[in-house]
Amino acid sequence: MRYLAFTLAGVFSLAAIAGQWLGWSRPVTIGALILAGAFLAWGFWDAAQKAPAEERELDEEQRATIRRMKSEGNTQLAIQQVQLWFRNTSQEEAAAIVRGV
């Protein structure tokens, strides 16, 4: 469905541009632009819903790095390092991973 949504967003965007060039009334071009934005938002929402969940499992080298950081007393730095390895990981999720090592 996201391909359909992105295609319709493109069509309505082009319709808004064409309407501006061809002198269509302003409500028609604004309506096309609003529809393009709505279909674009729908496409992104659908893509986000179907995105696979990222597996947040540390390999042995990463575990050794986290253990070393924790032994040096740099727990906060270890949490930040986990957030660098796994994008879009919250502070709480990263802290749970560090506690699990």
PDB file of N, CA and C in Angstrom:
ATOM      1  N   MET A   1       0.813  -1.200   0.000  1.00  0.00           N
ATOM      2  CA  MET A   1       0.000   0.000   0.000  1.00  0.00           C
ATOM      3  C   MET A   1       0.854   1.261   0.000  1.00  0.00           C
ATOM      4  N   ARG A   2       2.070   1.164   0.558  1.00  0.00           N
ATOM      5  CA  ARG A   2       2.878   2.380   0.614  1.00  0.00           C
ATOM      6  C   ARG A   2       3.292   2.833  -0.776  1.00  0.00           C
ATOM      7  N   TYR A   3       3.450   1.890  -1.714  1.00  0.00           N
ATOM      8  CA  TYR A   3       3.804   2.292  -3.071  1.00  0.00           C
ATOM      9  C   TYR A   3       2.668   3.070  -3.709  1.00  0.00           C
ATOM     10  N   LEU A   4       1.460   2.630  -3.457  1.00  0.00           N
ATOM     11  CA  LEU A   4       0.294   3.353  -3.949  1.00  0.00           C
ATOM     12  C   LEU A   4       0.224   4.739  -3.314  1.00  0.00           C
ATOM     13  N   ALA A   5       0.455   4.810  -2.015  1.00  0.00           N
ATOM     14  CA  ALA A   5       0.389   6.093  -1.312  1.00  0.00           C
ATOM     15  C   ALA A   5       1.458   7.054  -1.825  1.00  0.00           C
ATOM     16  N   PHE A   6       2.694   6.563  -2.010  1.00  0.00           N
ATOM     17  CA  PHE A   6       3.752   7.434  -2.511  1.00  0.00           C
ATOM     18  C   PHE A   6       3.492   7.850  -3.957  1.00  0.00           C
ATOM     19  N   THR A   7       2.923   6.945  -4.748  1.00  0.00           N
ATOM     20  CA  THR A   7       2.588   7.294  -6.134  1.00  0.00           C
ATOM     21  C   THR A   7       1.516   8.373  -6.177  1.00  0.00           C
ATOM     22  N   LEU A   8       0.489   8.213  -5.370  1.00  0.00           N
ATOM     23  CA  LEU A   8      -0.565   9.229  -5.332  1.00  0.00           C
ATOM     24  C   LEU A   8      -0.048  10.555  -4.789  1.00  0.00           C
ATOM     25  N   ALA A   9       0.879  10.502  -3.839  1.00  0.00           N
ATOM     26  CA  ALA A   9       1.479  11.738  -3.331  1.00  0.00           C
ATOM     27  C   ALA A   9       2.230  12.450  -4.453  1.00  0.00           C
ATOM     28  N   GLY A  10       2.954  11.694  -5.253  1.00  0.00           N
ATOM     29  CA  GLY A  10       3.662  12.288  -6.386  1.00  0.00           C
ATOM     30  C   GLY A  10       2.712  12.856  -7.418  1.00  0.00           C
ATOM     31  N   VAL A  11       1.633  12.141  -7.714  1.00  0.00           N
ATOM     32  CA  VAL A  11       0.656  12.610  -8.706  1.00  0.00           C
ATOM     33  C   VAL A  11       0.009  13.905  -8.238  1.00  0.00           C
ATOM     34  N   PHE A  12      -0.403  13.946  -6.989  1.00  0.00           N
ATOM     35  CA  PHE A  12      -1.046  15.165  -6.488  1.00  0.00           C
ATOM     36  C   PHE A  12      -0.050  16.325  -6.360  1.00  0.00           C
ATOM     37  N   SER A  13       1.219  16.025  -6.096  1.00  0.00           N
ATOM     38  CA  SER A  13       2.230  17.085  -6.080  1.00  0.00           C
ATOM     39  C   SER A  13       2.399  17.671  -7.474  1.00  0.00           C
ATOM     40  N   LEU A  14       2.486  16.799  -8.451  1.00  0.00           N
ATOM     41  CA  LEU A  14       2.595  17.277  -9.833  1.00  0.00           C
ATOM     42  C   LEU A  14       1.344  18.035 -10.269  1.00  0.00           C
ATOM     43  N   ALA A  15       0.186  17.587  -9.791  1.00  0.00           N
ATOM     44  CA  ALA A  15      -1.056  18.301 -10.107  1.00  0.00           C
ATOM     45  C   ALA A  15      -1.044  19.703  -9.496  1.00  0.00           C
ATOM     46  N   ALA A  16      -0.508  19.832  -8.293  1.00  0.00           N
ATOM     47  CA  ALA A  16      -0.426  21.154  -7.657  1.00  0.00           C
ATOM     48  C   ALA A  16       0.523  22.063  -8.423  1.00  0.00           C
ATOM     49  N   ILE A  17       1.649  21.510  -8.868  1.00  0.00           N
ATOM     50  CA  ILE A  17       2.600  22.311  -9.648  1.00  0.00           C
ATOM     51  C   ILE A  17       1.985  22.698 -10.987  1.00  0.00           C
ATOM     52  N   ALA A  18       1.355  21.720 -11.649  1.00  0.00           N
ATOM     53  CA  ALA A  18       0.722  22.001 -12.937  1.00  0.00           C
ATOM     54  C   ALA A  18      -0.397  23.023 -12.778  1.00  0.00           C
ATOM     55  N   GLY A  19      -1.140  22.917 -11.704  1.00  0.00           N
ATOM     56  CA  GLY A  19      -2.212  23.880 -11.452  1.00  0.00           C
ATOM     57  C   GLY A  19      -1.689  25.293 -11.282  1.00  0.00           C
ATOM     58  N   GLN A  20      -0.537  25.432 -10.661  1.00  0.00           N
ATOM     59  CA  GLN A  20       0.064  26.755 -10.500  1.00  0.00           C
ATOM     60  C   GLN A  20       0.506  27.313 -11.849  1.00  0.00           C
ATOM     61  N   TRP A  21       1.096  26.464 -12.679  1.00  0.00           N
ATOM     62  CA  TRP A  21       1.571  26.905 -13.989  1.00  0.00           C
ATOM     63  C   TRP A  21       0.426  27.188 -14.960  1.00  0.00           C
ATOM     64  N   LEU A  22      -0.630  26.377 -14.872  1.00  0.00           N
ATOM     65  CA  LEU A  22      -1.732  26.493 -15.819  1.00  0.00           C
ATOM     66  C   LEU A  22      -2.794  27.489 -15.361  1.00  0.00           C
ATOM     67  N   GLY A  23      -2.619  28.065 -14.203  1.00  0.00           N
ATOM     68  CA  GLY A  23      -3.534  29.094 -13.726  1.00  0.00           C
ATOM     69  C   GLY A  23      -4.838  28.550 -13.169  1.00  0.00           C
ATOM     70  N   TRP A  24      -4.815  27.344 -12.617  1.00  0.00           N
ATOM     71  CA  TRP A  24      -6.013  26.823 -11.981  1.00  0.00           C
ATOM     72  C   TRP A  24      -6.326  27.660 -10.750  1.00  0.00           C
ATOM     73  N   SER A  25      -7.542  27.547 -10.270  1.00  0.00           N
ATOM     74  CA  SER A  25      -7.908  28.340  -9.089  1.00  0.00           C
ATOM     75  C   SER A  25      -7.083  27.883  -7.884  1.00  0.00           C
ATOM     76  N   ARG A  26      -6.871  28.817  -6.982  1.00  0.00           N
ATOM     77  CA  ARG A  26      -6.037  28.546  -5.818  1.00  0.00           C
ATOM     78  C   ARG A  26      -6.582  27.409  -4.934  1.00  0.00           C
ATOM     79  N   PRO A  27      -7.889  27.309  -4.679  1.00  0.00           N
ATOM     80  CA  PRO A  27      -8.384  26.193  -3.848  1.00  0.00           C
ATOM     81  C   PRO A  27      -8.088  24.819  -4.458  1.00  0.00           C
ATOM     82  N   VAL A  28      -8.078  24.717  -5.781  1.00  0.00           N
ATOM     83  CA  VAL A  28      -7.781  23.433  -6.414  1.00  0.00           C
ATOM     84  C   VAL A  28      -6.322  23.058  -6.188  1.00  0.00           C
ATOM     85  N   THR A  29      -5.399  23.997  -6.357  1.00  0.00           N
ATOM     86  CA  THR A  29      -3.978  23.690  -6.157  1.00  0.00           C
ATOM     87  C   THR A  29      -3.670  23.421  -4.685  1.00  0.00           C
ATOM     88  N   ILE A  30      -4.305  24.151  -3.790  1.00  0.00           N
ATOM     89  CA  ILE A  30      -4.092  23.910  -2.357  1.00  0.00           C
ATOM     90  C   ILE A  30      -4.672  22.558  -1.964  1.00  0.00           C
ATOM     91  N   GLY A  31      -5.831  22.220  -2.517  1.00  0.00           N
ATOM     92  CA  GLY A  31      -6.427  20.910  -2.250  1.00  0.00           C
ATOM     93  C   GLY A  31      -5.527  19.780  -2.736  1.00  0.00           C
ATOM     94  N   ALA A  32      -4.932  19.943  -3.920  1.00  0.00           N
ATOM     95  CA  ALA A  32      -4.010  18.927  -4.437  1.00  0.00           C
ATOM     96  C   ALA A  32      -2.785  18.816  -3.545  1.00  0.00           C
ATOM     97  N   LEU A  33      -2.305  19.935  -3.053  1.00  0.00           N
ATOM     98  CA  LEU A  33      -1.139  19.923  -2.169  1.00  0.00           C
ATOM     99  C   LEU A  33      -1.463  19.259  -0.832  1.00  0.00           C
ATOM    100  N   ILE A  34      -2.640  19.513  -0.304  1.00  0.00           N
ATOM    101  CA  ILE A  34      -3.056  18.875   0.954  1.00  0.00           C
ATOM    102  C   ILE A  34      -3.202  17.368   0.756  1.00  0.00           C
ATOM    103  N   LEU A  35      -3.800  16.957  -0.360  1.00  0.00           N
ATOM    104  CA  LEU A  35      -3.919  15.526  -0.637  1.00  0.00           C
ATOM    105  C   LEU A  35      -2.549  14.876  -0.806  1.00  0.00           C
ATOM    106  N   ALA A  36      -1.620  15.582  -1.452  1.00  0.00           N
ATOM    107  CA  ALA A  36      -0.263  15.047  -1.611  1.00  0.00           C
ATOM    108  C   ALA A  36       0.392  14.841  -0.249  1.00  0.00           C
ATOM    109  N   GLY A  37       0.234  15.801   0.640  1.00  0.00           N
ATOM    110  CA  GLY A  37       0.788  15.668   1.986  1.00  0.00           C
ATOM    111  C   GLY A  37       0.153  14.535   2.764  1.00  0.00           C
ATOM    112  N   ALA A  38      -1.151  14.363   2.610  1.00  0.00           N
ATOM    113  CA  ALA A  38      -1.848  13.286   3.312  1.00  0.00           C
ATOM    114  C   ALA A  38      -1.375  11.916   2.815  1.00  0.00           C
ATOM    115  N   PHE A  39      -1.246  11.769   1.504  1.00  0.00           N
ATOM    116  CA  PHE A  39      -0.773  10.490   0.968  1.00  0.00           C
ATOM    117  C   PHE A  39       0.691  10.247   1.318  1.00  0.00           C
ATOM    118  N   LEU A  40       1.483  11.285   1.391  1.00  0.00           N
ATOM    119  CA  LEU A  40       2.876  11.132   1.791  1.00  0.00           C
ATOM    120  C   LEU A  40       2.962  10.663   3.245  1.00  0.00           C
ATOM    121  N   ALA A  41       2.173  11.265   4.109  1.00  0.00           N
ATOM    122  CA  ALA A  41       2.152  10.853   5.516  1.00  0.00           C
ATOM    123  C   ALA A  41       1.675   9.411   5.643  1.00  0.00           C
ATOM    124  N   TRP A  42       0.676   9.033   4.874  1.00  0.00           N
ATOM    125  CA  TRP A  42       0.166   7.661   4.897  1.00  0.00           C
ATOM    126  C   TRP A  42       1.250   6.681   4.444  1.00  0.00           C
ATOM    127  N   GLY A  43       1.980   7.046   3.402  1.00  0.00           N
ATOM    128  CA  GLY A  43       3.049   6.174   2.914  1.00  0.00           C
ATOM    129  C   GLY A  43       4.137   5.974   3.946  1.00  0.00           C
ATOM    130  N   PHE A  44       4.555   7.058   4.597  1.00  0.00           N
ATOM    131  CA  PHE A  44       5.583   6.932   5.633  1.00  0.00           C
ATOM    132  C   PHE A  44       5.072   6.129   6.831  1.00  0.00           C
ATOM    133  N   TRP A  45       3.822   6.337   7.205  1.00  0.00           N
ATOM    134  CA  TRP A  45       3.247   5.592   8.324  1.00  0.00           C
ATOM    135  C   TRP A  45       3.206   4.107   7.993  1.00  0.00           C
ATOM    136  N   ASP A  46       2.773   3.773   6.776  1.00  0.00           N
ATOM    137  CA  ASP A  46       2.697   2.369   6.373  1.00  0.00           C
ATOM    138  C   ASP A  46       4.081   1.738   6.322  1.00  0.00           C
ATOM    139  N   ALA A  47       5.067   2.475   5.846  1.00  0.00           N
ATOM    140  CA  ALA A  47       6.442   1.962   5.795  1.00  0.00           C
ATOM    141  C   ALA A  47       6.983   1.722   7.208  1.00  0.00           C
ATOM    142  N   ALA A  48       6.658   2.622   8.131  1.00  0.00           N
ATOM    143  CA  ALA A  48       7.136   2.473   9.504  1.00  0.00           C
ATOM    144  C   ALA A  48       6.467   1.292  10.196  1.00  0.00           C
ATOM    145  N   GLN A  49       5.215   1.029   9.889  1.00  0.00           N
ATOM    146  CA  GLN A  49       4.509  -0.085  10.509  1.00  0.00           C
ATOM    147  C   GLN A  49       5.049  -1.434  10.045  1.00  0.00           C
ATOM    148  N   LYS A  50       5.528  -1.490   8.816  1.00  0.00           N
ATOM    149  CA  LYS A  50       6.001  -2.754   8.267  1.00  0.00           C
ATOM    150  C   LYS A  50       7.509  -2.936   8.381  1.00  0.00           C
ATOM    151  N   ALA A  51       8.189  -1.971   8.982  1.00  0.00           N
ATOM    152  CA  ALA A  51       9.640  -2.080   9.151  1.00  0.00           C
ATOM    153  C   ALA A  51       9.952  -3.167  10.171  1.00  0.00           C
ATOM    154  N   PRO A  52      10.944  -3.990   9.888  1.00  0.00           N
ATOM    155  CA  PRO A  52      11.286  -5.044  10.854  1.00  0.00           C
ATOM    156  C   PRO A  52      11.894  -4.447  12.118  1.00  0.00           C
ATOM    157  N   ALA A  53      11.594  -5.069  13.224  1.00  0.00           N
ATOM    158  CA  ALA A  53      12.160  -4.607  14.492  1.00  0.00           C
ATOM    159  C   ALA A  53      13.647  -4.941  14.520  1.00  0.00           C
ATOM    160  N   GLU A  54      14.434  -3.985  14.930  1.00  0.00           N
ATOM    161  CA  GLU A  54      15.885  -4.177  14.974  1.00  0.00           C
ATOM    162  C   GLU A  54      16.245  -5.061  16.165  1.00  0.00           C
ATOM    163  N   GLU A  55      17.016  -6.088  15.898  1.00  0.00           N
ATOM    164  CA  GLU A  55      17.448  -6.974  16.967  1.00  0.00           C
ATOM    165  C   GLU A  55      18.631  -6.333  17.678  1.00  0.00           C
ATOM    166  N   ARG A  56      18.505  -6.177  18.964  1.00  0.00           N
ATOM    167  CA  ARG A  56      19.541  -5.511  19.750  1.00  0.00           C
ATOM    168  C   ARG A  56      20.292  -6.546  20.576  1.00  0.00           C
ATOM    169  N   GLU A  57      21.150  -7.276  19.921  1.00  0.00           N
ATOM    170  CA  GLU A  57      21.944  -8.311  20.573  1.00  0.00           C
ATOM    171  C   GLU A  57      23.417  -7.977  20.362  1.00  0.00           C
ATOM    172  N   LEU A  58      24.171  -7.939  21.450  1.00  0.00           N
ATOM    173  CA  LEU A  58      25.583  -7.608  21.377  1.00  0.00           C
ATOM    174  C   LEU A  58      26.398  -8.830  20.980  1.00  0.00           C
ATOM    175  N   ASP A  59      27.405  -8.606  20.127  1.00  0.00           N
ATOM    176  CA  ASP A  59      28.319  -9.710  19.834  1.00  0.00           C
ATOM    177  C   ASP A  59      29.395  -9.745  20.922  1.00  0.00           C
ATOM    178  N   GLU A  60      30.292 -10.689  20.821  1.00  0.00           N
ATOM    179  CA  GLU A  60      31.275 -10.901  21.896  1.00  0.00           C
ATOM    180  C   GLU A  60      32.227  -9.709  22.045  1.00  0.00           C
ATOM    181  N   GLU A  61      32.630  -9.101  20.945  1.00  0.00           N
ATOM    182  CA  GLU A  61      33.524  -7.941  21.022  1.00  0.00           C
ATOM    183  C   GLU A  61      32.829  -6.756  21.696  1.00  0.00           C
ATOM    184  N   GLN A  62      31.568  -6.560  21.355  1.00  0.00           N
ATOM    185  CA  GLN A  62      30.816  -5.475  21.983  1.00  0.00           C
ATOM    186  C   GLN A  62      30.613  -5.746  23.474  1.00  0.00           C
ATOM    187  N   ARG A  63      30.355  -6.998  23.824  1.00  0.00           N
ATOM    188  CA  ARG A  63      30.212  -7.344  25.246  1.00  0.00           C
ATOM    189  C   ARG A  63      31.509  -7.063  26.007  1.00  0.00           C
ATOM    190  N   ALA A  64      32.646  -7.393  25.398  1.00  0.00           N
ATOM    191  CA  ALA A  64      33.939  -7.137  26.047  1.00  0.00           C
ATOM    192  C   ALA A  64      34.150  -5.642  26.237  1.00  0.00           C
ATOM    193  N   THR A  65      33.751  -4.855  25.251  1.00  0.00           N
ATOM    194  CA  THR A  65      33.893  -3.406  25.364  1.00  0.00           C
ATOM    195  C   THR A  65      33.037  -2.865  26.503  1.00  0.00           C
ATOM    196  N   ILE A  66      31.793  -3.337  26.591  1.00  0.00           N
ATOM    197  CA  ILE A  66      30.889  -2.877  27.657  1.00  0.00           C
ATOM    198  C   ILE A  66      31.412  -3.315  29.023  1.00  0.00           C
ATOM    199  N   ARG A  67      31.910  -4.546  29.115  1.00  0.00           N
ATOM    200  CA  ARG A  67      32.478  -5.016  30.391  1.00  0.00           C
ATOM    201  C   ARG A  67      33.659  -4.151  30.812  1.00  0.00           C
ATOM    202  N   ARG A  68      34.513  -3.804  29.856  1.00  0.00           N
ATOM    203  CA  ARG A  68      35.673  -2.971  30.163  1.00  0.00           C
ATOM    204  C   ARG A  68      35.228  -1.592  30.641  1.00  0.00           C
ATOM    205  N   MET A  69      34.254  -1.012  29.970  1.00  0.00           N
ATOM    206  CA  MET A  69      33.755   0.303  30.365  1.00  0.00           C
ATOM    207  C   MET A  69      33.138   0.266  31.757  1.00  0.00           C
ATOM    208  N   LYS A  70      32.376  -0.798  32.043  1.00  0.00           N
ATOM    209  CA  LYS A  70      31.767  -0.910  33.362  1.00  0.00           C
ATOM    210  C   LYS A  70      32.820  -1.117  34.444  1.00  0.00           C
ATOM    211  N   SER A  71      33.858  -1.878  34.140  1.00  0.00           N
ATOM    212  CA  SER A  71      34.911  -2.106  35.139  1.00  0.00           C
ATOM    213  C   SER A  71      35.688  -0.821  35.419  1.00  0.00           C
ATOM    214  N   GLU A  72      35.753   0.067  34.440  1.00  0.00           N
ATOM    215  CA  GLU A  72      36.417   1.357  34.636  1.00  0.00           C
ATOM    216  C   GLU A  72      35.502   2.371  35.307  1.00  0.00           C
ATOM    217  N   GLY A  73      34.247   1.999  35.537  1.00  0.00           N
ATOM    218  CA  GLY A  73      33.302   2.903  36.193  1.00  0.00           C
ATOM    219  C   GLY A  73      32.603   3.846  35.229  1.00  0.00           C
ATOM    220  N   ASN A  74      32.650   3.556  33.941  1.00  0.00           N
ATOM    221  CA  ASN A  74      32.037   4.415  32.926  1.00  0.00           C
ATOM    222  C   ASN A  74      30.713   3.821  32.451  1.00  0.00           C
ATOM    223  N   THR A  75      29.782   3.639  33.362  1.00  0.00           N
ATOM    224  CA  THR A  75      28.504   3.048  32.994  1.00  0.00           C
ATOM    225  C   THR A  75      27.734   3.952  32.040  1.00  0.00           C
ATOM    226  N   GLN A  76      27.747   5.242  32.294  1.00  0.00           N
ATOM    227  CA  GLN A  76      27.032   6.182  31.417  1.00  0.00           C
ATOM    228  C   GLN A  76      27.633   6.165  30.016  1.00  0.00           C
ATOM    229  N   LEU A  77      28.940   6.081  29.924  1.00  0.00           N
ATOM    230  CA  LEU A  77      29.599   6.002  28.623  1.00  0.00           C
ATOM    231  C   LEU A  77      29.234   4.694  27.916  1.00  0.00           C
ATOM    232  N   ALA A  78      29.100   3.604  28.676  1.00  0.00           N
ATOM    233  CA  ALA A  78      28.697   2.327  28.092  1.00  0.00           C
ATOM    234  C   ALA A  78      27.275   2.412  27.527  1.00  0.00           C
ATOM    235  N   ILE A  79      26.402   3.098  28.234  1.00  0.00           N
ATOM    236  CA  ILE A  79      25.033   3.287  27.756  1.00  0.00           C
ATOM    237  C   ILE A  79      25.039   4.095  26.462  1.00  0.00           C
ATOM    238  N   GLN A  80      25.823   5.149  26.415  1.00  0.00           N
ATOM    239  CA  GLN A  80      25.923   5.953  25.203  1.00  0.00           C
ATOM    240  C   GLN A  80      26.515   5.152  24.046  1.00  0.00           C
ATOM    241  N   GLN A  81      27.462   4.264  24.356  1.00  0.00           N
ATOM    242  CA  GLN A  81      28.058   3.440  23.313  1.00  0.00           C
ATOM    243  C   GLN A  81      27.019   2.484  22.721  1.00  0.00           C
ATOM    244  N   VAL A  82      26.176   1.923  23.564  1.00  0.00           N
ATOM    245  CA  VAL A  82      25.104   1.050  23.069  1.00  0.00           C
ATOM    246  C   VAL A  82      24.157   1.842  22.180  1.00  0.00           C
ATOM    247  N   GLN A  83      23.871   3.090  22.551  1.00  0.00           N
ATOM    248  CA  GLN A  83      23.013   3.922  21.726  1.00  0.00           C
ATOM    249  C   GLN A  83      23.668   4.255  20.389  1.00  0.00           C
ATOM    250  N   LEU A  84      24.992   4.322  20.350  1.00  0.00           N
ATOM    251  CA  LEU A  84      25.677   4.535  19.079  1.00  0.00           C
ATOM    252  C   LEU A  84      25.616   3.284  18.200  1.00  0.00           C
ATOM    253  N   TRP A  85      25.730   2.119  18.813  1.00  0.00           N
ATOM    254  CA  TRP A  85      25.689   0.872  18.052  1.00  0.00           C
ATOM    255  C   TRP A  85      24.299   0.603  17.504  1.00  0.00           C
ATOM    256  N   PHE A  86      23.273   0.883  18.291  1.00  0.00           N
ATOM    257  CA  PHE A  86      21.891   0.600  17.902  1.00  0.00           C
ATOM    258  C   PHE A  86      21.119   1.914  17.866  1.00  0.00           C
ATOM    259  N   ARG A  87      20.926   2.425  16.686  1.00  0.00           N
ATOM    260  CA  ARG A  87      20.196   3.687  16.529  1.00  0.00           C
ATOM    261  C   ARG A  87      18.762   3.542  17.023  1.00  0.00           C
ATOM    262  N   ASN A  88      18.192   4.656  17.438  1.00  0.00           N
ATOM    263  CA  ASN A  88      16.815   4.732  17.939  1.00  0.00           C
ATOM    264  C   ASN A  88      16.592   3.859  19.168  1.00  0.00           C
ATOM    265  N   THR A  89      17.625   3.707  19.964  1.00  0.00           N
ATOM    266  CA  THR A  89      17.499   2.998  21.234  1.00  0.00           C
ATOM    267  C   THR A  89      17.374   4.040  22.339  1.00  0.00           C
ATOM    268  N   SER A  90      16.353   3.887  23.161  1.00  0.00           N
ATOM    269  CA  SER A  90      16.162   4.857  24.238  1.00  0.00           C
ATOM    270  C   SER A  90      17.205   4.657  25.330  1.00  0.00           C
ATOM    271  N   GLN A  91      17.297   5.631  26.198  1.00  0.00           N
ATOM    272  CA  GLN A  91      18.227   5.573  27.326  1.00  0.00           C
ATOM    273  C   GLN A  91      17.920   4.368  28.207  1.00  0.00           C
ATOM    274  N   GLU A  92      16.635   4.111  28.439  1.00  0.00           N
ATOM    275  CA  GLU A  92      16.234   2.999  29.299  1.00  0.00           C
ATOM    276  C   GLU A  92      16.576   1.649  28.665  1.00  0.00           C
ATOM    277  N   GLU A  93      16.335   1.520  27.355  1.00  0.00           N
ATOM    278  CA  GLU A  93      16.653   0.264  26.672  1.00  0.00           C
ATOM    279  C   GLU A  93      18.158  -0.002  26.690  1.00  0.00           C
ATOM    280  N   ALA A  94      18.941   1.045  26.436  1.00  0.00           N
ATOM    281  CA  ALA A  94      20.392   0.898  26.452  1.00  0.00           C
ATOM    282  C   ALA A  94      20.887   0.550  27.852  1.00  0.00           C
ATOM    283  N   ALA A  95      20.305   1.165  28.873  1.00  0.00           N
ATOM    284  CA  ALA A  95      20.698   0.859  30.243  1.00  0.00           C
ATOM    285  C   ALA A  95      20.376  -0.591  30.592  1.00  0.00           C
ATOM    286  N   ALA A  96      19.246  -1.105  30.105  1.00  0.00           N
ATOM    287  CA  ALA A  96      18.894  -2.505  30.346  1.00  0.00           C
ATOM    288  C   ALA A  96      19.889  -3.443  29.674  1.00  0.00           C
ATOM    289  N   ILE A  97      20.332  -3.090  28.485  1.00  0.00           N
ATOM    290  CA  ILE A  97      21.316  -3.912  27.787  1.00  0.00           C
ATOM    291  C   ILE A  97      22.630  -3.909  28.561  1.00  0.00           C
ATOM    292  N   VAL A  98      23.046  -2.732  29.043  1.00  0.00           N
ATOM    293  CA  VAL A  98      24.312  -2.632  29.793  1.00  0.00           C
ATOM    294  C   VAL A  98      24.196  -3.408  31.103  1.00  0.00           C
ATOM    295  N   ARG A  99      23.070  -3.329  31.777  1.00  0.00           N
ATOM    296  CA  ARG A  99      22.892  -4.090  33.019  1.00  0.00           C
ATOM    297  C   ARG A  99      22.941  -5.588  32.761  1.00  0.00           C
ATOM    298  N   GLY A 100      22.503  -6.021  31.584  1.00  0.00           N
ATOM    299  CA  GLY A 100      22.475  -7.434  31.257  1.00  0.00           C
ATOM    300  C   GLY A 100      23.825  -8.021  30.941  1.00  0.00           C
ATOM    301  N   VAL A 101      24.828  -7.165  30.735  1.00  0.00           N
ATOM    302  CA  VAL A 101      26.181  -7.646  30.401  1.00  0.00           C
ATOM    303  C   VAL A 101      26.945  -7.940  31.671  1.00  0.00           C
TER     304      VAL A 101
END
